[in-house]
Amino acid sequence: MSLIHPWMGWLALLAVIPVILHWLMRPQPKKLLFPALRLIQIRKKQNTRRLR
């Protein structure tokens, strides 16, 4: 039984390598600005300018 445990540890490490590679190599999400939010941001800038 003592011989199985070290192999299980190494196999667990080998099984984690693809998960880590996938996590590191995944593409970054693109920032998507919805038109309604863009209009709200423009109005917010206009209102802050108007209040100054």
N, C-alpha and C. Protein backbone atom coordinates (compact mmCIF):
# COMPACT_ATOMS: atom_id res chain seq x y z
N MET A 1 0.81 -1.19 0.00
CA MET A 1 0.00 0.00 0.00
C MET A 1 0.86 1.26 0.00
N SER A 2 2.03 1.20 0.60
CA SER A 2 2.85 2.41 0.70
C SER A 2 3.41 2.83 -0.66
N LEU A 3 3.49 1.90 -1.61
CA LEU A 3 4.00 2.25 -2.94
C LEU A 3 2.95 2.99 -3.76
N ILE A 4 1.69 2.76 -3.49
CA ILE A 4 0.62 3.39 -4.27
C ILE A 4 0.51 4.88 -3.96
N HIS A 5 0.68 5.27 -2.74
CA HIS A 5 0.46 6.66 -2.34
C HIS A 5 1.38 7.66 -3.03
N PRO A 6 2.68 7.42 -3.18
CA PRO A 6 3.50 8.39 -3.91
C PRO A 6 3.07 8.53 -5.37
N TRP A 7 2.69 7.43 -5.99
CA TRP A 7 2.25 7.49 -7.38
C TRP A 7 0.95 8.28 -7.51
N MET A 8 0.09 8.15 -6.53
CA MET A 8 -1.17 8.90 -6.58
C MET A 8 -0.91 10.40 -6.47
N GLY A 9 0.08 10.78 -5.68
CA GLY A 9 0.44 12.19 -5.58
C GLY A 9 0.97 12.73 -6.89
N TRP A 10 1.83 11.97 -7.53
CA TRP A 10 2.38 12.40 -8.82
C TRP A 10 1.30 12.45 -9.90
N LEU A 11 0.40 11.48 -9.89
CA LEU A 11 -0.68 11.48 -10.87
C LEU A 11 -1.63 12.66 -10.65
N ALA A 12 -1.85 13.02 -9.41
CA ALA A 12 -2.69 14.19 -9.13
C ALA A 12 -2.03 15.46 -9.65
N LEU A 13 -0.73 15.57 -9.47
CA LEU A 13 -0.01 16.74 -10.00
C LEU A 13 -0.06 16.77 -11.52
N LEU A 14 0.09 15.62 -12.16
CA LEU A 14 0.01 15.56 -13.61
C LEU A 14 -1.39 15.88 -14.12
N ALA A 15 -2.41 15.54 -13.35
CA ALA A 15 -3.78 15.82 -13.77
C ALA A 15 -4.10 17.31 -13.65
N VAL A 16 -3.41 18.01 -12.78
CA VAL A 16 -3.68 19.43 -12.56
C VAL A 16 -3.01 20.30 -13.63
N ILE A 17 -1.97 19.81 -14.26
CA ILE A 17 -1.22 20.61 -15.25
C ILE A 17 -2.11 21.10 -16.39
N PRO A 18 -2.96 20.29 -17.02
CA PRO A 18 -3.82 20.83 -18.09
C PRO A 18 -4.79 21.91 -17.59
N VAL A 19 -5.26 21.76 -16.37
CA VAL A 19 -6.17 22.77 -15.81
C VAL A 19 -5.45 24.09 -15.65
N ILE A 20 -4.24 24.05 -15.14
CA ILE A 20 -3.46 25.28 -14.95
C ILE A 20 -3.13 25.91 -16.30
N LEU A 21 -2.74 25.09 -17.28
CA LEU A 21 -2.45 25.63 -18.62
C LEU A 21 -3.69 26.27 -19.24
N HIS A 22 -4.84 25.64 -19.07
CA HIS A 22 -6.08 26.21 -19.61
C HIS A 22 -6.37 27.55 -18.93
N TRP A 23 -6.17 27.63 -17.65
CA TRP A 23 -6.44 28.85 -16.89
C TRP A 23 -5.50 29.97 -17.32
N LEU A 24 -4.26 29.65 -17.59
CA LEU A 24 -3.29 30.68 -17.97
C LEU A 24 -3.43 31.11 -19.42
N MET A 25 -3.87 30.22 -20.30
CA MET A 25 -3.90 30.51 -21.73
C MET A 25 -5.27 30.97 -22.24
N ARG A 26 -6.25 31.07 -21.36
CA ARG A 26 -7.58 31.47 -21.84
C ARG A 26 -7.56 32.92 -22.31
N PRO A 27 -8.35 33.24 -23.32
CA PRO A 27 -8.35 34.61 -23.84
C PRO A 27 -9.01 35.57 -22.85
N GLN A 28 -8.51 36.79 -22.85
CA GLN A 28 -9.08 37.82 -21.98
C GLN A 28 -10.43 38.27 -22.54
N PRO A 29 -11.40 38.47 -21.69
CA PRO A 29 -12.71 38.91 -22.19
C PRO A 29 -12.63 40.32 -22.76
N LYS A 30 -13.37 40.52 -23.84
CA LYS A 30 -13.40 41.84 -24.47
C LYS A 30 -14.39 42.72 -23.72
N LYS A 31 -14.03 43.98 -23.57
CA LYS A 31 -14.95 44.91 -22.94
C LYS A 31 -16.00 45.31 -23.97
N LEU A 32 -17.23 45.10 -23.62
CA LEU A 32 -18.33 45.39 -24.51
C LEU A 32 -19.20 46.45 -23.85
N LEU A 33 -19.27 47.60 -24.47
CA LEU A 33 -20.05 48.69 -23.93
C LEU A 33 -21.39 48.73 -24.64
N PHE A 34 -22.44 48.51 -23.89
CA PHE A 34 -23.78 48.52 -24.48
C PHE A 34 -24.18 49.94 -24.82
N PRO A 35 -24.90 50.15 -25.91
CA PRO A 35 -25.28 51.50 -26.32
C PRO A 35 -26.05 52.27 -25.25
N ALA A 36 -26.93 51.60 -24.53
CA ALA A 36 -27.70 52.29 -23.50
C ALA A 36 -26.78 52.78 -22.38
N LEU A 37 -25.81 51.96 -22.01
CA LEU A 37 -24.87 52.37 -20.98
C LEU A 37 -23.99 53.51 -21.46
N ARG A 38 -23.65 53.48 -22.73
CA ARG A 38 -22.84 54.56 -23.29
C ARG A 38 -23.60 55.88 -23.22
N LEU A 39 -24.88 55.86 -23.54
CA LEU A 39 -25.69 57.07 -23.47
C LEU A 39 -25.83 57.57 -22.03
N ILE A 40 -25.97 56.65 -21.10
CA ILE A 40 -26.05 57.04 -19.69
C ILE A 40 -24.75 57.70 -19.26
N GLN A 41 -23.62 57.16 -19.67
CA GLN A 41 -22.33 57.75 -19.30
C GLN A 41 -22.16 59.13 -19.92
N ILE A 42 -22.60 59.31 -21.15
CA ILE A 42 -22.50 60.62 -21.80
C ILE A 42 -23.37 61.63 -21.05
N ARG A 43 -24.58 61.23 -20.69
CA ARG A 43 -25.48 62.13 -19.96
C ARG A 43 -24.90 62.47 -18.59
N LYS A 44 -24.27 61.51 -17.95
CA LYS A 44 -23.67 61.75 -16.64
C LYS A 44 -22.56 62.79 -16.76
N LYS A 45 -21.73 62.69 -17.79
CA LYS A 45 -20.66 63.67 -18.01
C LYS A 45 -21.25 65.05 -18.28
N GLN A 46 -22.31 65.09 -19.08
CA GLN A 46 -22.94 66.38 -19.38
C GLN A 46 -23.54 67.00 -18.12
N ASN A 47 -24.16 66.19 -17.28
CA ASN A 47 -24.76 66.71 -16.06
C ASN A 47 -23.70 67.22 -15.09
N THR A 48 -22.57 66.52 -14.99
CA THR A 48 -21.53 66.99 -14.08
C THR A 48 -20.92 68.29 -14.60
N ARG A 49 -20.79 68.43 -15.90
CA ARG A 49 -20.29 69.68 -16.46
C ARG A 49 -21.28 70.81 -16.21
N ARG A 50 -22.55 70.51 -16.33
CA ARG A 50 -23.58 71.52 -16.15
C ARG A 50 -23.64 71.98 -14.69
N LEU A 51 -23.41 71.06 -13.75
CA LEU A 51 -23.48 71.41 -12.34
C LEU A 51 -22.27 72.21 -11.87
N ARG A 52 -21.17 72.14 -12.57
CA ARG A 52 -19.98 72.89 -12.18
C ARG A 52 -20.18 74.30 -12.50
